Amino acid sequence: MPWQMKLEFLINKPIGVSFANGQGTSGILCSVENGQIYLLEYLYHTQFALKHYAFDEIQDIHPFPKCYNRF
């Protein structure tokens, strides 16, 4: 499934984003508007930033996997 088709199911969920330039980031997908995603990313201590990335910068998007407790 192309990553664009996953977006509506990933709003308000943690995602990993891989970019066409080989870099990546992760955060909470806040919204999708005008060909851009808006991602809440952790910076430092108590600081978070809402960043936006254009669709043409993005290679793929993946939801975070579930945690499985071993205890």
PDB file of N, CA and C in Angstrom:
ATOM      1  N   MET A   1       0.847  -1.172   0.000  1.00  0.00           N
ATOM      2  CA  MET A   1       0.000   0.000   0.000  1.00  0.00           C
ATOM      3  C   MET A   1       0.896   1.240   0.000  1.00  0.00           C
ATOM      4  N   PRO A   2       0.663   2.183  -0.897  1.00  0.00           N
ATOM      5  CA  PRO A   2       1.457   3.424  -0.898  1.00  0.00           C
ATOM      6  C   PRO A   2       1.280   4.175   0.431  1.00  0.00           C
ATOM      7  N   TRP A   3       2.333   4.834   0.868  1.00  0.00           N
ATOM      8  CA  TRP A   3       2.297   5.483   2.178  1.00  0.00           C
ATOM      9  C   TRP A   3       1.211   6.547   2.269  1.00  0.00           C
ATOM     10  N   GLN A   4       0.868   7.196   1.157  1.00  0.00           N
ATOM     11  CA  GLN A   4      -0.161   8.238   1.188  1.00  0.00           C
ATOM     12  C   GLN A   4      -1.520   7.674   1.604  1.00  0.00           C
ATOM     13  N   MET A   5      -1.760   6.405   1.280  1.00  0.00           N
ATOM     14  CA  MET A   5      -3.041   5.785   1.615  1.00  0.00           C
ATOM     15  C   MET A   5      -3.126   5.402   3.096  1.00  0.00           C
ATOM     16  N   LYS A   6      -1.993   5.345   3.780  1.00  0.00           N
ATOM     17  CA  LYS A   6      -1.968   4.991   5.201  1.00  0.00           C
ATOM     18  C   LYS A   6      -2.270   6.184   6.105  1.00  0.00           C
ATOM     19  N   LEU A   7      -2.112   7.398   5.583  1.00  0.00           N
ATOM     20  CA  LEU A   7      -2.107   8.591   6.423  1.00  0.00           C
ATOM     21  C   LEU A   7      -3.354   8.755   7.278  1.00  0.00           C
ATOM     22  N   GLU A   8      -4.529   8.552   6.707  1.00  0.00           N
ATOM     23  CA  GLU A   8      -5.753   8.788   7.474  1.00  0.00           C
ATOM     24  C   GLU A   8      -5.855   7.871   8.695  1.00  0.00           C
ATOM     25  N   PHE A   9      -5.218   6.712   8.638  1.00  0.00           N
ATOM     26  CA  PHE A   9      -5.253   5.765   9.750  1.00  0.00           C
ATOM     27  C   PHE A   9      -4.177   6.051  10.796  1.00  0.00           C
ATOM     28  N   LEU A  10      -3.258   6.955  10.477  1.00  0.00           N
ATOM     29  CA  LEU A  10      -2.111   7.211  11.355  1.00  0.00           C
ATOM     30  C   LEU A  10      -2.179   8.542  12.096  1.00  0.00           C
ATOM     31  N   ILE A  11      -3.241   9.321  11.885  1.00  0.00           N
ATOM     32  CA  ILE A  11      -3.376  10.603  12.583  1.00  0.00           C
ATOM     33  C   ILE A  11      -3.375  10.350  14.094  1.00  0.00           C
ATOM     34  N   ASN A  12      -2.610  11.158  14.824  1.00  0.00           N
ATOM     35  CA  ASN A  12      -2.453  11.073  16.284  1.00  0.00           C
ATOM     36  C   ASN A  12      -1.747   9.803  16.748  1.00  0.00           C
ATOM     37  N   LYS A  13      -0.983   9.194  15.869  1.00  0.00           N
ATOM     38  CA  LYS A  13      -0.223   7.992  16.228  1.00  0.00           C
ATOM     39  C   LYS A  13       1.262   8.229  15.957  1.00  0.00           C
ATOM     40  N   PRO A  14       2.136   7.502  16.661  1.00  0.00           N
ATOM     41  CA  PRO A  14       3.575   7.634  16.413  1.00  0.00           C
ATOM     42  C   PRO A  14       3.962   6.965  15.102  1.00  0.00           C
ATOM     43  N   ILE A  15       4.770   7.675  14.318  1.00  0.00           N
ATOM     44  CA  ILE A  15       5.209   7.153  13.025  1.00  0.00           C
ATOM     45  C   ILE A  15       6.701   7.402  12.833  1.00  0.00           C
ATOM     46  N   GLY A  16       7.292   6.627  11.962  1.00  0.00           N
ATOM     47  CA  GLY A  16       8.646   6.859  11.485  1.00  0.00           C
ATOM     48  C   GLY A  16       8.555   7.317  10.039  1.00  0.00           C
ATOM     49  N   VAL A  17       9.347   8.313   9.687  1.00  0.00           N
ATOM     50  CA  VAL A  17       9.332   8.867   8.332  1.00  0.00           C
ATOM     51  C   VAL A  17      10.716   8.702   7.725  1.00  0.00           C
ATOM     52  N   SER A  18      10.790   8.085   6.556  1.00  0.00           N
ATOM     53  CA  SER A  18      12.063   8.035   5.828  1.00  0.00           C
ATOM     54  C   SER A  18      11.959   8.991   4.651  1.00  0.00           C
ATOM     55  N   PHE A  19      13.008   9.786   4.491  1.00  0.00           N
ATOM     56  CA  PHE A  19      13.032  10.809   3.454  1.00  0.00           C
ATOM     57  C   PHE A  19      13.791  10.327   2.231  1.00  0.00           C
ATOM     58  N   ALA A  20      13.530  10.962   1.117  1.00  0.00           N
ATOM     59  CA  ALA A  20      14.185  10.613  -0.141  1.00  0.00           C
ATOM     60  C   ALA A  20      15.695  10.826  -0.068  1.00  0.00           C
ATOM     61  N   ASN A  21      16.161  11.718   0.823  1.00  0.00           N
ATOM     62  CA  ASN A  21      17.597  11.997   0.927  1.00  0.00           C
ATOM     63  C   ASN A  21      18.332  11.006   1.832  1.00  0.00           C
ATOM     64  N   GLY A  22      17.632   9.984   2.340  1.00  0.00           N
ATOM     65  CA  GLY A  22      18.266   8.975   3.172  1.00  0.00           C
ATOM     66  C   GLY A  22      18.166   9.221   4.664  1.00  0.00           C
ATOM     67  N   GLN A  23      17.699  10.376   5.068  1.00  0.00           N
ATOM     68  CA  GLN A  23      17.531  10.672   6.487  1.00  0.00           C
ATOM     69  C   GLN A  23      16.156  10.217   6.953  1.00  0.00           C
ATOM     70  N   GLY A  24      15.896  10.384   8.228  1.00  0.00           N
ATOM     71  CA  GLY A  24      14.606  10.004   8.767  1.00  0.00           C
ATOM     72  C   GLY A  24      14.303  10.745  10.043  1.00  0.00           C
ATOM     73  N   THR A  25      13.066  10.643  10.488  1.00  0.00           N
ATOM     74  CA  THR A  25      12.639  11.239  11.744  1.00  0.00           C
ATOM     75  C   THR A  25      11.453  10.444  12.259  1.00  0.00           C
ATOM     76  N   SER A  26      11.016  10.796  13.455  1.00  0.00           N
ATOM     77  CA  SER A  26       9.839  10.138  14.017  1.00  0.00           C
ATOM     78  C   SER A  26       9.087  11.130  14.884  1.00  0.00           C
ATOM     79  N   GLY A  27       7.829  10.838  15.111  1.00  0.00           N
ATOM     80  CA  GLY A  27       6.999  11.694  15.944  1.00  0.00           C
ATOM     81  C   GLY A  27       5.546  11.289  15.826  1.00  0.00           C
ATOM     82  N   ILE A  28       4.676  12.153  16.332  1.00  0.00           N
ATOM     83  CA  ILE A  28       3.239  11.933  16.266  1.00  0.00           C
ATOM     84  C   ILE A  28       2.707  12.667  15.038  1.00  0.00           C
ATOM     85  N   LEU A  29       1.988  11.955  14.186  1.00  0.00           N
ATOM     86  CA  LEU A  29       1.384  12.577  13.005  1.00  0.00           C
ATOM     87  C   LEU A  29       0.161  13.370  13.446  1.00  0.00           C
ATOM     88  N   CYS A  30       0.245  14.693  13.364  1.00  0.00           N
ATOM     89  CA  CYS A  30      -0.842  15.558  13.832  1.00  0.00           C
ATOM     90  C   CYS A  30      -1.886  15.815  12.757  1.00  0.00           C
ATOM     91  N   SER A  31      -1.441  16.077  11.540  1.00  0.00           N
ATOM     92  CA  SER A  31      -2.402  16.347  10.472  1.00  0.00           C
ATOM     93  C   SER A  31      -1.733  16.216   9.117  1.00  0.00           C
ATOM     94  N   VAL A  32      -2.585  16.225   8.097  1.00  0.00           N
ATOM     95  CA  VAL A  32      -2.147  16.183   6.706  1.00  0.00           C
ATOM     96  C   VAL A  32      -2.943  17.255   5.974  1.00  0.00           C
ATOM     97  N   GLU A  33      -2.231  18.233   5.400  1.00  0.00           N
ATOM     98  CA  GLU A  33      -2.902  19.340   4.721  1.00  0.00           C
ATOM     99  C   GLU A  33      -2.055  19.839   3.564  1.00  0.00           C
ATOM    100  N   ASN A  34      -2.708  20.112   2.451  1.00  0.00           N
ATOM    101  CA  ASN A  34      -2.066  20.753   1.300  1.00  0.00           C
ATOM    102  C   ASN A  34      -0.766  20.074   0.880  1.00  0.00           C
ATOM    103  N   GLY A  35      -0.761  18.755   0.819  1.00  0.00           N
ATOM    104  CA  GLY A  35       0.417  18.030   0.371  1.00  0.00           C
ATOM    105  C   GLY A  35       1.566  18.012   1.354  1.00  0.00           C
ATOM    106  N   GLN A  36       1.259  18.216   2.641  1.00  0.00           N
ATOM    107  CA  GLN A  36       2.279  18.192   3.682  1.00  0.00           C
ATOM    108  C   GLN A  36       1.770  17.407   4.883  1.00  0.00           C
ATOM    109  N   ILE A  37       2.713  16.779   5.599  1.00  0.00           N
ATOM    110  CA  ILE A  37       2.363  16.183   6.883  1.00  0.00           C
ATOM    111  C   ILE A  37       2.871  17.104   7.984  1.00  0.00           C
ATOM    112  N   TYR A  38       2.164  17.106   9.111  1.00  0.00           N
ATOM    113  CA  TYR A  38       2.559  17.881  10.278  1.00  0.00           C
ATOM    114  C   TYR A  38       2.865  16.894  11.389  1.00  0.00           C
ATOM    115  N   LEU A  39       4.108  16.939  11.850  1.00  0.00           N
ATOM    116  CA  LEU A  39       4.640  15.942  12.765  1.00  0.00           C
ATOM    117  C   LEU A  39       5.122  16.611  14.048  1.00  0.00           C
ATOM    118  N   LEU A  40       4.646  16.127  15.195  1.00  0.00           N
ATOM    119  CA  LEU A  40       5.106  16.633  16.484  1.00  0.00           C
ATOM    120  C   LEU A  40       6.332  15.830  16.890  1.00  0.00           C
ATOM    121  N   GLU A  41       7.483  16.505  16.942  1.00  0.00           N
ATOM    122  CA  GLU A  41       8.752  15.842  17.229  1.00  0.00           C
ATOM    123  C   GLU A  41       9.291  16.291  18.583  1.00  0.00           C
ATOM    124  N   TYR A  42       9.941  15.365  19.267  1.00  0.00           N
ATOM    125  CA  TYR A  42      10.599  15.676  20.537  1.00  0.00           C
ATOM    126  C   TYR A  42      11.953  16.314  20.244  1.00  0.00           C
ATOM    127  N   LEU A  43      12.256  17.408  20.953  1.00  0.00           N
ATOM    128  CA  LEU A  43      13.540  18.083  20.773  1.00  0.00           C
ATOM    129  C   LEU A  43      14.488  17.795  21.934  1.00  0.00           C
ATOM    130  N   TYR A  44      14.127  18.288  23.122  1.00  0.00           N
ATOM    131  CA  TYR A  44      15.027  18.183  24.268  1.00  0.00           C
ATOM    132  C   TYR A  44      14.251  18.526  25.528  1.00  0.00           C
ATOM    133  N   HIS A  45      14.544  17.826  26.606  1.00  0.00           N
ATOM    134  CA  HIS A  45      13.969  18.090  27.917  1.00  0.00           C
ATOM    135  C   HIS A  45      12.447  18.114  27.825  1.00  0.00           C
ATOM    136  N   THR A  46      11.810  19.273  27.899  1.00  0.00           N
ATOM    137  CA  THR A  46      10.348  19.361  27.776  1.00  0.00           C
ATOM    138  C   THR A  46       9.936  20.059  26.485  1.00  0.00           C
ATOM    139  N   GLN A  47      10.827  20.096  25.513  1.00  0.00           N
ATOM    140  CA  GLN A  47      10.548  20.836  24.282  1.00  0.00           C
ATOM    141  C   GLN A  47      10.130  19.906  23.145  1.00  0.00           C
ATOM    142  N   PHE A  48       9.056  20.294  22.491  1.00  0.00           N
ATOM    143  CA  PHE A  48       8.551  19.600  21.312  1.00  0.00           C
ATOM    144  C   PHE A  48       8.365  20.630  20.215  1.00  0.00           C
ATOM    145  N   ALA A  49       8.409  20.196  18.968  1.00  0.00           N
ATOM    146  CA  ALA A  49       8.226  21.110  17.841  1.00  0.00           C
ATOM    147  C   ALA A  49       7.282  20.478  16.830  1.00  0.00           C
ATOM    148  N   LEU A  50       6.365  21.291  16.313  1.00  0.00           N
ATOM    149  CA  LEU A  50       5.499  20.846  15.231  1.00  0.00           C
ATOM    150  C   LEU A  50       6.205  21.199  13.926  1.00  0.00           C
ATOM    151  N   LYS A  51       6.603  20.178  13.174  1.00  0.00           N
ATOM    152  CA  LYS A  51       7.320  20.392  11.916  1.00  0.00           C
ATOM    153  C   LYS A  51       6.466  19.900  10.765  1.00  0.00           C
ATOM    154  N   HIS A  52       6.707  20.451   9.594  1.00  0.00           N
ATOM    155  CA  HIS A  52       5.946  20.013   8.423  1.00  0.00           C
ATOM    156  C   HIS A  52       6.896  19.596   7.318  1.00  0.00           C
ATOM    157  N   TYR A  53       6.475  18.575   6.576  1.00  0.00           N
ATOM    158  CA  TYR A  53       7.280  18.016   5.495  1.00  0.00           C
ATOM    159  C   TYR A  53       6.394  17.808   4.276  1.00  0.00           C
ATOM    160  N   ALA A  54       6.899  18.222   3.115  1.00  0.00           N
ATOM    161  CA  ALA A  54       6.161  18.066   1.861  1.00  0.00           C
ATOM    162  C   ALA A  54       6.184  16.613   1.406  1.00  0.00           C
ATOM    163  N   PHE A  55       5.115  16.203   0.746  1.00  0.00           N
ATOM    164  CA  PHE A  55       5.014  14.836   0.247  1.00  0.00           C
ATOM    165  C   PHE A  55       6.211  14.459  -0.618  1.00  0.00           C
ATOM    166  N   ASP A  56       6.720  15.393  -1.419  1.00  0.00           N
ATOM    167  CA  ASP A  56       7.813  15.045  -2.339  1.00  0.00           C
ATOM    168  C   ASP A  56       9.150  14.818  -1.631  1.00  0.00           C
ATOM    169  N   GLU A  57       9.233  15.162  -0.339  1.00  0.00           N
ATOM    170  CA  GLU A  57      10.433  14.879   0.461  1.00  0.00           C
ATOM    171  C   GLU A  57      10.405  13.471   1.046  1.00  0.00           C
ATOM    172  N   ILE A  58       9.228  12.864   1.091  1.00  0.00           N
ATOM    173  CA  ILE A  58       9.012  11.622   1.833  1.00  0.00           C
ATOM    174  C   ILE A  58       9.116  10.409   0.925  1.00  0.00           C
ATOM    175  N   GLN A  59       9.890   9.428   1.383  1.00  0.00           N
ATOM    176  CA  GLN A  59       9.995   8.159   0.655  1.00  0.00           C
ATOM    177  C   GLN A  59       8.994   7.145   1.189  1.00  0.00           C
ATOM    178  N   ASP A  60       8.861   7.079   2.535  1.00  0.00           N
ATOM    179  CA  ASP A  60       7.932   6.118   3.123  1.00  0.00           C
ATOM    180  C   ASP A  60       7.590   6.527   4.550  1.00  0.00           C
ATOM    181  N   ILE A  61       6.475   6.005   5.038  1.00  0.00           N
ATOM    182  CA  ILE A  61       6.016   6.249   6.405  1.00  0.00           C
ATOM    183  C   ILE A  61       5.601   4.913   6.996  1.00  0.00           C
ATOM    184  N   HIS A  62       6.002   4.690   8.257  1.00  0.00           N
ATOM    185  CA  HIS A  62       5.663   3.435   8.931  1.00  0.00           C
ATOM    186  C   HIS A  62       5.109   3.719  10.320  1.00  0.00           C
ATOM    187  N   PRO A  63       4.063   3.010  10.721  1.00  0.00           N
ATOM    188  CA  PRO A  63       3.591   3.144  12.101  1.00  0.00           C
ATOM    189  C   PRO A  63       4.572   2.467  13.045  1.00  0.00           C
ATOM    190  N   PHE A  64       4.626   2.941  14.280  1.00  0.00           N
ATOM    191  CA  PHE A  64       5.447   2.271  15.281  1.00  0.00           C
ATOM    192  C   PHE A  64       4.841   0.902  15.565  1.00  0.00           C
ATOM    193  N   PRO A  65       5.688  -0.086  15.834  1.00  0.00           N
ATOM    194  CA  PRO A  65       5.158  -1.409  16.203  1.00  0.00           C
ATOM    195  C   PRO A  65       4.630  -1.379  17.639  1.00  0.00           C
ATOM    196  N   LYS A  66       3.828  -2.361  17.973  1.00  0.00           N
ATOM    197  CA  LYS A  66       3.329  -2.485  19.340  1.00  0.00           C
ATOM    198  C   LYS A  66       4.448  -2.974  20.244  1.00  0.00           C
ATOM    199  N   CYS A  67       4.359  -2.611  21.514  1.00  0.00           N
ATOM    200  CA  CYS A  67       5.291  -3.113  22.520  1.00  0.00           C
ATOM    201  C   CYS A  67       4.750  -4.427  23.066  1.00  0.00           C
ATOM    202  N   TYR A  68       5.632  -5.368  23.231  1.00  0.00           N
ATOM    203  CA  TYR A  68       5.239  -6.652  23.805  1.00  0.00           C
ATOM    204  C   TYR A  68       5.983  -6.837  25.110  1.00  0.00           C
ATOM    205  N   ASN A  69       5.232  -6.897  26.199  1.00  0.00           N
ATOM    206  CA  ASN A  69       5.835  -7.083  27.523  1.00  0.00           C
ATOM    207  C   ASN A  69       6.289  -8.518  27.685  1.00  0.00           C
ATOM    208  N   ARG A  70       7.471  -8.676  28.202  1.00  0.00           N
ATOM    209  CA  ARG A  70       8.009 -10.013  28.440  1.00  0.00           C
ATOM    210  C   ARG A  70       7.720 -10.496  29.853  1.00  0.00           C
ATOM    211  N   PHE A  71       7.178  -9.634  30.678  1.00  0.00           N
ATOM    212  CA  PHE A  71       6.984  -9.984  32.089  1.00  0.00           C
ATOM    213  C   PHE A  71       5.558 -10.385  32.366  1.00  0.00           C
TER     214      PHE A  71
END
